[in-house]
Amino acid sequence: MDVLILVSANGERIRGPVIASAPEASDQGIKPESAKSPNERPRHVKAKFPRGARLLRHADFERVYKMGRRHFSSSMTVFYWPRPSAPRAKAVADGLRIGFTVGRALGGAADRNRMKRRLREAVRLSRPLAGASADLVINPKKVVLALDFQALLNEVRRAFVVIEQKLAAGKS
């Protein structure tokens, strides 16, 4: 019979029999938490966009729609607007700020949320860290739900490249 020894917060050792175990963990060579390498990121930690890399205010979305330009692809439309580099009281970080809009015509709440999650992950994986200062709003099409994720990732990458080229050409 296996014995389990636990150490409480005050240093007291508690000893007792093992009531249940996970045989597949020992059969597959899964390491206990303490044996994992220090460089491994825990699975429950999510990588997020920093707050400065997101479009949050309604006025920012409206500005991109009204004053910006558009890039069309087969599964999305990307609206973009180059931010002026004028100093303001509240400084905005350089680089791209990205927002997502998914209209009700594209499906129910579950479908719309799934589209946003897929796009957010594709943008997180392909977002250029340095480059032009611009605001982007991504409007997906219904096909984003059925599209292979690698194809979606390639399309987002291609949109970023094209938009950066257009923004660089506009500054010259």
N, C-alpha and C. Protein backbone atom coordinates (compact mmCIF):
# COMPACT_ATOMS: atom_id res chain seq x y z
N MET A 1 0.84 -1.18 0.00
CA MET A 1 0.00 0.00 0.00
C MET A 1 0.88 1.24 0.00
N ASP A 2 0.54 2.22 -0.88
CA ASP A 2 1.29 3.48 -0.96
C ASP A 2 0.87 4.42 0.15
N VAL A 3 1.83 5.20 0.60
CA VAL A 3 1.58 6.16 1.66
C VAL A 3 1.88 7.55 1.13
N LEU A 4 1.02 8.50 1.43
CA LEU A 4 1.16 9.88 1.01
C LEU A 4 1.52 10.72 2.21
N ILE A 5 2.55 11.56 2.06
CA ILE A 5 2.94 12.45 3.15
C ILE A 5 2.74 13.88 2.67
N LEU A 6 1.93 14.64 3.37
CA LEU A 6 1.66 16.04 3.07
C LEU A 6 2.27 16.90 4.16
N VAL A 7 2.71 18.09 3.78
CA VAL A 7 3.24 19.04 4.75
C VAL A 7 2.27 20.22 4.80
N SER A 8 1.75 20.52 5.99
CA SER A 8 0.79 21.61 6.13
C SER A 8 1.52 22.95 6.15
N ALA A 9 0.78 24.03 6.16
CA ALA A 9 1.34 25.38 6.13
C ALA A 9 2.22 25.67 7.35
N ASN A 10 1.89 25.09 8.49
CA ASN A 10 2.68 25.35 9.70
C ASN A 10 3.82 24.35 9.86
N GLY A 11 4.10 23.51 8.84
CA GLY A 11 5.22 22.59 8.87
C GLY A 11 4.90 21.22 9.42
N GLU A 12 3.67 20.99 9.82
CA GLU A 12 3.26 19.70 10.38
C GLU A 12 3.11 18.68 9.25
N ARG A 13 3.66 17.48 9.45
CA ARG A 13 3.56 16.42 8.44
C ARG A 13 2.32 15.57 8.70
N ILE A 14 1.57 15.34 7.63
CA ILE A 14 0.36 14.53 7.70
C ILE A 14 0.60 13.31 6.83
N ARG A 15 0.39 12.14 7.40
CA ARG A 15 0.64 10.89 6.70
C ARG A 15 -0.66 10.10 6.56
N GLY A 16 -0.89 9.57 5.35
CA GLY A 16 -2.11 8.81 5.14
C GLY A 16 -2.00 7.92 3.93
N PRO A 17 -2.93 6.98 3.78
CA PRO A 17 -2.88 6.07 2.63
C PRO A 17 -3.34 6.78 1.35
N VAL A 18 -2.82 6.35 0.22
CA VAL A 18 -3.25 6.87 -1.07
C VAL A 18 -4.56 6.18 -1.41
N ILE A 19 -5.61 6.95 -1.59
CA ILE A 19 -6.92 6.40 -1.86
C ILE A 19 -7.13 6.21 -3.36
N ALA A 20 -6.64 7.15 -4.16
CA ALA A 20 -6.81 7.07 -5.60
C ALA A 20 -5.51 7.50 -6.27
N SER A 21 -5.28 6.97 -7.44
CA SER A 21 -4.11 7.38 -8.20
C SER A 21 -4.49 7.39 -9.67
N ALA A 22 -3.65 8.00 -10.46
CA ALA A 22 -3.87 8.06 -11.90
C ALA A 22 -2.86 7.13 -12.57
N PRO A 23 -3.25 5.90 -12.90
CA PRO A 23 -2.28 4.96 -13.47
C PRO A 23 -1.72 5.42 -14.79
N GLU A 24 -2.52 6.15 -15.58
CA GLU A 24 -2.01 6.60 -16.87
C GLU A 24 -0.89 7.61 -16.70
N ALA A 25 -0.85 8.33 -15.59
CA ALA A 25 0.22 9.29 -15.37
C ALA A 25 1.55 8.57 -15.19
N SER A 26 1.57 7.49 -14.42
CA SER A 26 2.83 6.78 -14.20
C SER A 26 3.20 5.94 -15.43
N ASP A 27 2.20 5.43 -16.15
CA ASP A 27 2.49 4.62 -17.33
C ASP A 27 3.05 5.45 -18.47
N GLN A 28 2.63 6.71 -18.58
CA GLN A 28 3.05 7.55 -19.69
C GLN A 28 4.26 8.41 -19.34
N GLY A 29 4.79 8.26 -18.16
CA GLY A 29 5.98 9.02 -17.79
C GLY A 29 5.71 10.49 -17.55
N ILE A 30 4.51 10.84 -17.12
CA ILE A 30 4.19 12.23 -16.83
C ILE A 30 4.89 12.63 -15.54
N LYS A 31 5.59 13.78 -15.60
CA LYS A 31 6.35 14.24 -14.44
C LYS A 31 5.43 14.97 -13.47
N PRO A 32 5.69 14.86 -12.19
CA PRO A 32 4.94 15.66 -11.23
C PRO A 32 5.27 17.13 -11.41
N GLU A 33 4.43 18.01 -10.86
CA GLU A 33 4.60 19.46 -11.02
C GLU A 33 6.00 19.92 -10.63
N SER A 34 6.55 19.38 -9.54
CA SER A 34 7.84 19.84 -9.06
C SER A 34 8.98 19.43 -9.98
N ALA A 35 8.80 18.42 -10.80
CA ALA A 35 9.87 17.93 -11.66
C ALA A 35 9.90 18.61 -13.02
N LYS A 36 8.94 19.49 -13.31
CA LYS A 36 8.91 20.17 -14.60
C LYS A 36 10.04 21.18 -14.66
N SER A 37 10.52 21.43 -15.87
CA SER A 37 11.62 22.38 -16.03
C SER A 37 11.12 23.79 -15.71
N PRO A 38 12.01 24.66 -15.21
CA PRO A 38 11.58 26.01 -14.84
C PRO A 38 11.21 26.88 -16.04
N ASN A 39 11.64 26.49 -17.25
CA ASN A 39 11.34 27.29 -18.44
C ASN A 39 9.96 27.01 -19.01
N GLU A 40 9.31 25.93 -18.59
CA GLU A 40 7.98 25.60 -19.10
C GLU A 40 6.95 26.55 -18.52
N ARG A 41 6.10 27.07 -19.39
CA ARG A 41 5.03 27.95 -18.94
C ARG A 41 3.84 27.08 -18.55
N PRO A 42 3.23 27.32 -17.41
CA PRO A 42 2.05 26.54 -17.03
C PRO A 42 0.95 26.67 -18.08
N ARG A 43 0.20 25.61 -18.28
CA ARG A 43 -0.84 25.62 -19.31
C ARG A 43 -1.99 26.55 -19.00
N HIS A 44 -2.23 26.82 -17.73
CA HIS A 44 -3.38 27.65 -17.38
C HIS A 44 -3.11 29.14 -17.57
N VAL A 45 -1.87 29.53 -17.84
CA VAL A 45 -1.54 30.94 -18.04
C VAL A 45 -1.79 31.27 -19.50
N LYS A 46 -2.64 32.26 -19.74
CA LYS A 46 -2.95 32.65 -21.11
C LYS A 46 -2.09 33.83 -21.52
N ALA A 47 -1.63 33.81 -22.76
CA ALA A 47 -0.91 34.95 -23.31
C ALA A 47 -1.97 35.90 -23.86
N LYS A 48 -1.93 37.13 -23.41
CA LYS A 48 -2.93 38.11 -23.83
C LYS A 48 -2.27 39.27 -24.53
N PHE A 49 -3.09 40.05 -25.18
CA PHE A 49 -2.60 41.30 -25.73
C PHE A 49 -2.40 42.26 -24.57
N PRO A 50 -1.34 43.05 -24.63
CA PRO A 50 -1.26 44.11 -23.63
C PRO A 50 -2.38 45.12 -23.89
N ARG A 51 -2.80 45.79 -22.86
CA ARG A 51 -3.91 46.72 -22.99
C ARG A 51 -3.63 47.81 -24.03
N GLY A 52 -2.39 48.21 -24.16
CA GLY A 52 -2.03 49.23 -25.13
C GLY A 52 -2.11 48.78 -26.57
N ALA A 53 -2.23 47.48 -26.81
CA ALA A 53 -2.28 46.95 -28.17
C ALA A 53 -3.71 46.67 -28.63
N ARG A 54 -4.69 47.08 -27.84
CA ARG A 54 -6.09 46.83 -28.19
C ARG A 54 -6.83 48.13 -28.42
N LEU A 55 -7.76 48.10 -29.33
CA LEU A 55 -8.70 49.23 -29.47
C LEU A 55 -9.82 48.98 -28.48
N LEU A 56 -10.10 49.94 -27.64
CA LEU A 56 -11.08 49.73 -26.59
C LEU A 56 -12.25 50.71 -26.66
N ARG A 57 -12.00 51.91 -27.09
CA ARG A 57 -13.05 52.94 -27.04
C ARG A 57 -13.85 52.99 -28.34
N HIS A 58 -15.11 53.28 -28.19
CA HIS A 58 -16.01 53.39 -29.35
C HIS A 58 -15.52 54.47 -30.31
N ALA A 59 -15.01 55.56 -29.77
CA ALA A 59 -14.52 56.66 -30.60
C ALA A 59 -13.35 56.22 -31.49
N ASP A 60 -12.51 55.35 -30.97
CA ASP A 60 -11.39 54.84 -31.76
C ASP A 60 -11.88 53.99 -32.93
N PHE A 61 -12.87 53.13 -32.67
CA PHE A 61 -13.45 52.32 -33.73
C PHE A 61 -14.08 53.22 -34.80
N GLU A 62 -14.84 54.23 -34.37
CA GLU A 62 -15.49 55.14 -35.31
C GLU A 62 -14.47 55.90 -36.15
N ARG A 63 -13.38 56.33 -35.55
CA ARG A 63 -12.33 57.05 -36.27
C ARG A 63 -11.73 56.16 -37.36
N VAL A 64 -11.47 54.91 -37.05
CA VAL A 64 -10.90 54.00 -38.04
C VAL A 64 -11.88 53.78 -39.19
N TYR A 65 -13.17 53.62 -38.88
CA TYR A 65 -14.17 53.42 -39.92
C TYR A 65 -14.32 54.66 -40.81
N LYS A 66 -14.36 55.84 -40.21
CA LYS A 66 -14.64 57.05 -40.97
C LYS A 66 -13.43 57.61 -41.70
N MET A 67 -12.26 57.58 -41.07
CA MET A 67 -11.09 58.23 -41.64
C MET A 67 -10.09 57.25 -42.26
N GLY A 68 -10.27 55.96 -42.01
CA GLY A 68 -9.29 54.99 -42.44
C GLY A 68 -9.54 54.43 -43.83
N ARG A 69 -8.69 53.50 -44.20
CA ARG A 69 -8.80 52.81 -45.47
C ARG A 69 -9.14 51.35 -45.21
N ARG A 70 -9.34 50.57 -46.29
CA ARG A 70 -9.75 49.18 -46.14
C ARG A 70 -8.83 48.26 -46.92
N HIS A 71 -8.66 47.06 -46.36
CA HIS A 71 -7.98 45.98 -47.06
C HIS A 71 -8.94 44.79 -47.05
N PHE A 72 -9.22 44.25 -48.24
CA PHE A 72 -10.16 43.14 -48.36
C PHE A 72 -9.41 41.84 -48.58
N SER A 73 -9.88 40.79 -47.96
CA SER A 73 -9.39 39.44 -48.24
C SER A 73 -10.60 38.52 -48.31
N SER A 74 -10.35 37.25 -48.57
CA SER A 74 -11.47 36.34 -48.79
C SER A 74 -12.28 36.07 -47.52
N SER A 75 -11.67 36.22 -46.34
CA SER A 75 -12.41 35.90 -45.12
C SER A 75 -12.55 37.07 -44.15
N MET A 76 -12.05 38.24 -44.52
CA MET A 76 -12.18 39.38 -43.61
C MET A 76 -11.94 40.69 -44.34
N THR A 77 -12.40 41.75 -43.71
CA THR A 77 -12.09 43.10 -44.15
C THR A 77 -11.36 43.76 -43.00
N VAL A 78 -10.22 44.37 -43.32
CA VAL A 78 -9.43 45.04 -42.29
C VAL A 78 -9.46 46.53 -42.58
N PHE A 79 -9.98 47.30 -41.64
CA PHE A 79 -9.97 48.75 -41.71
C PHE A 79 -8.73 49.23 -40.97
N TYR A 80 -8.01 50.18 -41.54
CA TYR A 80 -6.81 50.67 -40.87
C TYR A 80 -6.69 52.18 -41.02
N TRP A 81 -6.10 52.80 -40.02
CA TRP A 81 -5.91 54.24 -39.99
C TRP A 81 -4.56 54.53 -39.33
N PRO A 82 -3.65 55.20 -40.05
CA PRO A 82 -2.35 55.53 -39.44
C PRO A 82 -2.53 56.61 -38.38
N ARG A 83 -2.04 56.34 -37.19
CA ARG A 83 -2.13 57.33 -36.11
C ARG A 83 -1.08 58.41 -36.33
N PRO A 84 -1.46 59.66 -36.18
CA PRO A 84 -0.46 60.73 -36.29
C PRO A 84 0.48 60.67 -35.09
N SER A 85 1.69 61.13 -35.28
CA SER A 85 2.69 61.05 -34.21
C SER A 85 2.72 62.33 -33.37
N ALA A 86 1.62 63.06 -33.36
CA ALA A 86 1.55 64.29 -32.57
C ALA A 86 1.56 63.96 -31.09
N PRO A 87 2.33 64.72 -30.30
CA PRO A 87 2.33 64.45 -28.85
C PRO A 87 0.99 64.82 -28.24
N ARG A 88 0.53 63.97 -27.35
CA ARG A 88 -0.74 64.21 -26.67
C ARG A 88 -0.50 64.11 -25.17
N ALA A 89 -1.46 64.59 -24.43
CA ALA A 89 -1.35 64.51 -22.97
C ALA A 89 -1.31 63.05 -22.53
N LYS A 90 -2.12 62.22 -23.18
CA LYS A 90 -2.16 60.80 -22.86
C LYS A 90 -1.48 60.06 -24.01
N ALA A 91 -0.24 59.68 -23.83
CA ALA A 91 0.53 59.05 -24.89
C ALA A 91 0.00 57.67 -25.20
N VAL A 92 -0.09 57.35 -26.50
CA VAL A 92 -0.52 56.04 -26.96
C VAL A 92 0.72 55.29 -27.43
N ALA A 93 0.82 54.03 -27.10
CA ALA A 93 1.99 53.24 -27.48
C ALA A 93 2.14 53.15 -28.99
N ASP A 94 3.39 53.04 -29.43
CA ASP A 94 3.66 52.86 -30.85
C ASP A 94 3.26 51.45 -31.27
N GLY A 95 3.13 51.26 -32.56
CA GLY A 95 2.76 49.94 -33.08
C GLY A 95 1.28 49.86 -33.40
N LEU A 96 0.85 48.66 -33.68
CA LEU A 96 -0.54 48.44 -34.06
C LEU A 96 -1.43 48.29 -32.84
N ARG A 97 -2.60 48.93 -32.90
CA ARG A 97 -3.67 48.67 -31.93
C ARG A 97 -4.78 48.01 -32.72
N ILE A 98 -5.30 46.90 -32.21
CA ILE A 98 -6.21 46.08 -32.99
C ILE A 98 -7.52 45.88 -32.25
N GLY A 99 -8.63 45.98 -32.98
CA GLY A 99 -9.95 45.71 -32.45
C GLY A 99 -10.70 44.78 -33.39
N PHE A 100 -11.73 44.14 -32.86
CA PHE A 100 -12.52 43.19 -33.64
C PHE A 100 -13.99 43.59 -33.55
N THR A 101 -14.70 43.49 -34.66
CA THR A 101 -16.14 43.68 -34.65
C THR A 101 -16.77 42.53 -35.43
N VAL A 102 -17.77 41.92 -34.83
CA VAL A 102 -18.48 40.82 -35.47
C VAL A 102 -19.96 41.13 -35.33
N GLY A 103 -20.61 41.39 -36.45
CA GLY A 103 -22.02 41.77 -36.44
C GLY A 103 -22.94 40.61 -36.16
N ARG A 104 -24.14 40.92 -35.74
CA ARG A 104 -25.14 39.90 -35.42
C ARG A 104 -25.59 39.11 -36.64
N ALA A 105 -25.40 39.67 -37.81
CA ALA A 105 -25.80 38.97 -39.03
C ALA A 105 -24.95 37.73 -39.29
N LEU A 106 -23.80 37.62 -38.60
CA LEU A 106 -22.90 36.49 -38.82
C LEU A 106 -23.25 35.27 -38.00
N GLY A 107 -24.24 35.37 -37.12
CA GLY A 107 -24.66 34.20 -36.36
C GLY A 107 -25.00 34.53 -34.93
N GLY A 108 -25.24 33.50 -34.17
CA GLY A 108 -25.57 33.67 -32.76
C GLY A 108 -24.33 34.05 -31.95
N ALA A 109 -24.54 34.27 -30.67
CA ALA A 109 -23.46 34.72 -29.80
C ALA A 109 -22.32 33.71 -29.76
N ALA A 110 -22.62 32.43 -29.73
CA ALA A 110 -21.57 31.41 -29.67
C ALA A 110 -20.69 31.46 -30.93
N ASP A 111 -21.32 31.59 -32.09
CA ASP A 111 -20.56 31.68 -33.34
C ASP A 111 -19.72 32.95 -33.40
N ARG A 112 -20.31 34.07 -33.00
CA ARG A 112 -19.58 35.34 -33.03
C ARG A 112 -18.40 35.31 -32.07
N ASN A 113 -18.60 34.76 -30.89
CA ASN A 113 -17.50 34.67 -29.93
C ASN A 113 -16.40 33.74 -30.42
N ARG A 114 -16.78 32.66 -31.08
CA ARG A 114 -15.78 31.74 -31.62
C ARG A 114 -14.96 32.42 -32.71
N MET A 115 -15.62 33.22 -33.56
CA MET A 115 -14.89 33.97 -34.59
C MET A 115 -13.88 34.91 -33.94
N LYS A 116 -14.31 35.62 -32.91
CA LYS A 116 -13.40 36.56 -32.24
C LYS A 116 -12.24 35.83 -31.58
N ARG A 117 -12.49 34.68 -30.96
CA ARG A 117 -11.41 33.92 -30.33
C ARG A 117 -10.39 33.44 -31.36
N ARG A 118 -10.88 32.94 -32.49
CA ARG A 118 -9.97 32.45 -33.54
C ARG A 118 -9.15 33.60 -34.12
N LEU A 119 -9.81 34.73 -34.37
CA LEU A 119 -9.09 35.88 -34.90
C LEU A 119 -8.08 36.43 -33.89
N ARG A 120 -8.49 36.49 -32.64
CA ARG A 120 -7.60 37.02 -31.59
C ARG A 120 -6.34 36.16 -31.49
N GLU A 121 -6.50 34.85 -31.56
CA GLU A 121 -5.34 33.97 -31.49
C GLU A 121 -4.46 34.11 -32.73
N ALA A 122 -5.07 34.22 -33.90
CA ALA A 122 -4.30 34.39 -35.14
C ALA A 122 -3.52 35.71 -35.10
N VAL A 123 -4.15 36.76 -34.60
CA VAL A 123 -3.48 38.05 -34.50
C VAL A 123 -2.37 37.98 -33.46
N ARG A 124 -2.64 37.32 -32.34
CA ARG A 124 -1.62 37.22 -31.29
C ARG A 124 -0.38 36.50 -31.80
N LEU A 125 -0.56 35.47 -32.63
CA LEU A 125 0.56 34.71 -33.16
C LEU A 125 1.30 35.43 -34.28
N SER A 126 0.65 36.35 -34.96
CA SER A 126 1.27 36.95 -36.14
C SER A 126 1.45 38.47 -36.06
N ARG A 127 1.07 39.07 -34.96
CA ARG A 127 1.14 40.53 -34.84
C ARG A 127 2.58 41.00 -34.84
N PRO A 128 2.93 41.93 -35.74
CA PRO A 128 4.29 42.47 -35.72
C PRO A 128 4.50 43.33 -34.47
N LEU A 129 5.63 43.15 -33.80
CA LEU A 129 5.89 43.88 -32.57
C LEU A 129 6.32 45.31 -32.85
N ALA A 130 7.07 45.50 -33.91
CA ALA A 130 7.51 46.85 -34.26
C ALA A 130 6.97 47.18 -35.63
N GLY A 131 6.85 48.43 -35.90
CA GLY A 131 6.35 48.82 -37.21
C GLY A 131 5.57 50.11 -37.13
N ALA A 132 4.70 50.30 -38.08
CA ALA A 132 3.93 51.53 -38.19
C ALA A 132 2.95 51.67 -37.03
N SER A 133 2.71 52.91 -36.64
CA SER A 133 1.70 53.18 -35.62
C SER A 133 0.36 53.35 -36.33
N ALA A 134 -0.54 52.42 -36.09
CA ALA A 134 -1.83 52.45 -36.76
C ALA A 134 -2.86 51.75 -35.91
N ASP A 135 -4.12 52.08 -36.17
CA ASP A 135 -5.24 51.40 -35.55
C ASP A 135 -5.89 50.51 -36.61
N LEU A 136 -6.21 49.28 -36.23
CA LEU A 136 -6.85 48.32 -37.14
C LEU A 136 -8.13 47.80 -36.53
N VAL A 137 -9.14 47.61 -37.37
CA VAL A 137 -10.37 46.94 -36.96
C VAL A 137 -10.58 45.81 -37.95
N ILE A 138 -10.72 44.60 -37.42
CA ILE A 138 -10.91 43.43 -38.27
C ILE A 138 -12.37 43.01 -38.22
N ASN A 139 -12.99 42.96 -39.40
CA ASN A 139 -14.36 42.49 -39.57
C ASN A 139 -14.32 41.15 -40.29
N PRO A 140 -14.61 40.04 -39.61
CA PRO A 140 -14.56 38.74 -40.28
C PRO A 140 -15.80 38.50 -41.13
N LYS A 141 -15.70 37.52 -42.00
CA LYS A 141 -16.84 37.03 -42.75
C LYS A 141 -17.22 35.68 -42.18
N LYS A 142 -18.37 35.18 -42.52
CA LYS A 142 -18.89 33.92 -41.97
C LYS A 142 -17.95 32.74 -42.20
N VAL A 143 -17.16 32.79 -43.26
CA VAL A 143 -16.26 31.69 -43.62
C VAL A 143 -15.18 31.46 -42.56
N VAL A 144 -14.94 32.42 -41.68
CA VAL A 144 -13.92 32.27 -40.62
C VAL A 144 -14.23 31.08 -39.72
N LEU A 145 -15.50 30.77 -39.54
CA LEU A 145 -15.89 29.63 -38.70
C LEU A 145 -15.42 28.30 -39.27
N ALA A 146 -15.49 28.14 -40.59
CA ALA A 146 -15.17 26.86 -41.22
C ALA A 146 -13.74 26.81 -41.74
N LEU A 147 -13.06 27.92 -41.78
CA LEU A 147 -11.72 28.00 -42.34
C LEU A 147 -10.71 27.28 -41.45
N ASP A 148 -9.78 26.56 -42.07
CA ASP A 148 -8.70 25.92 -41.33
C ASP A 148 -7.89 27.01 -40.62
N PHE A 149 -7.47 26.72 -39.38
CA PHE A 149 -6.79 27.76 -38.60
C PHE A 149 -5.49 28.20 -39.25
N GLN A 150 -4.75 27.29 -39.87
CA GLN A 150 -3.50 27.67 -40.52
C GLN A 150 -3.76 28.62 -41.68
N ALA A 151 -4.84 28.40 -42.42
CA ALA A 151 -5.20 29.30 -43.52
C ALA A 151 -5.59 30.67 -42.97
N LEU A 152 -6.32 30.69 -41.85
CA LEU A 152 -6.68 31.96 -41.23
C LEU A 152 -5.43 32.70 -40.75
N LEU A 153 -4.51 31.99 -40.16
CA LEU A 153 -3.26 32.57 -39.69
C LEU A 153 -2.47 33.17 -40.85
N ASN A 154 -2.39 32.47 -41.97
CA ASN A 154 -1.70 32.99 -43.15
C ASN A 154 -2.38 34.23 -43.70
N GLU A 155 -3.69 34.23 -43.68
CA GLU A 155 -4.42 35.39 -44.19
C GLU A 155 -4.22 36.62 -43.31
N VAL A 156 -4.19 36.42 -42.01
CA VAL A 156 -3.94 37.54 -41.09
C VAL A 156 -2.52 38.07 -41.28
N ARG A 157 -1.56 37.15 -41.40
CA ARG A 157 -0.17 37.58 -41.64
C ARG A 157 -0.06 38.39 -42.92
N ARG A 158 -0.70 37.90 -43.97
CA ARG A 158 -0.66 38.59 -45.26
C ARG A 158 -1.30 39.98 -45.15
N ALA A 159 -2.39 40.08 -44.42
CA ALA A 159 -3.04 41.38 -44.24
C ALA A 159 -2.10 42.35 -43.52
N PHE A 160 -1.39 41.89 -42.50
CA PHE A 160 -0.45 42.76 -41.79
C PHE A 160 0.67 43.24 -42.71
N VAL A 161 1.19 42.34 -43.54
CA VAL A 161 2.26 42.72 -44.46
C VAL A 161 1.77 43.77 -45.45
N VAL A 162 0.61 43.54 -46.04
CA VAL A 162 0.06 44.47 -47.03
C VAL A 162 -0.21 45.83 -46.39
N ILE A 163 -0.80 45.84 -45.21
CA ILE A 163 -1.12 47.11 -44.55
C ILE A 163 0.15 47.86 -44.17
N GLU A 164 1.17 47.16 -43.68
CA GLU A 164 2.43 47.83 -43.36
C GLU A 164 3.07 48.43 -44.60
N GLN A 165 2.99 47.71 -45.74
CA GLN A 165 3.54 48.24 -46.99
C GLN A 165 2.77 49.49 -47.42
N LYS A 166 1.46 49.45 -47.31
CA LYS A 166 0.65 50.62 -47.70
C LYS A 166 0.93 51.80 -46.79
N LEU A 167 1.09 51.55 -45.50
CA LEU A 167 1.38 52.63 -44.57
C LEU A 167 2.77 53.22 -44.81
N ALA A 168 3.75 52.37 -45.12
CA ALA A 168 5.10 52.85 -45.40
C ALA A 168 5.12 53.66 -46.70
N ALA A 169 4.35 53.24 -47.70
CA ALA A 169 4.29 53.97 -48.97
C ALA A 169 3.60 55.32 -48.77
N GLY A 170 2.67 55.40 -47.85
CA GLY A 170 1.97 56.65 -47.60
C GLY A 170 2.83 57.69 -46.89
N LYS A 171 3.84 57.24 -46.16
CA LYS A 171 4.73 58.18 -45.43
C LYS A 171 5.76 58.79 -46.36
N SER A 172 6.09 58.12 -47.47
CA SER A 172 7.14 58.61 -48.38
C SER A 172 6.71 59.85 -49.10
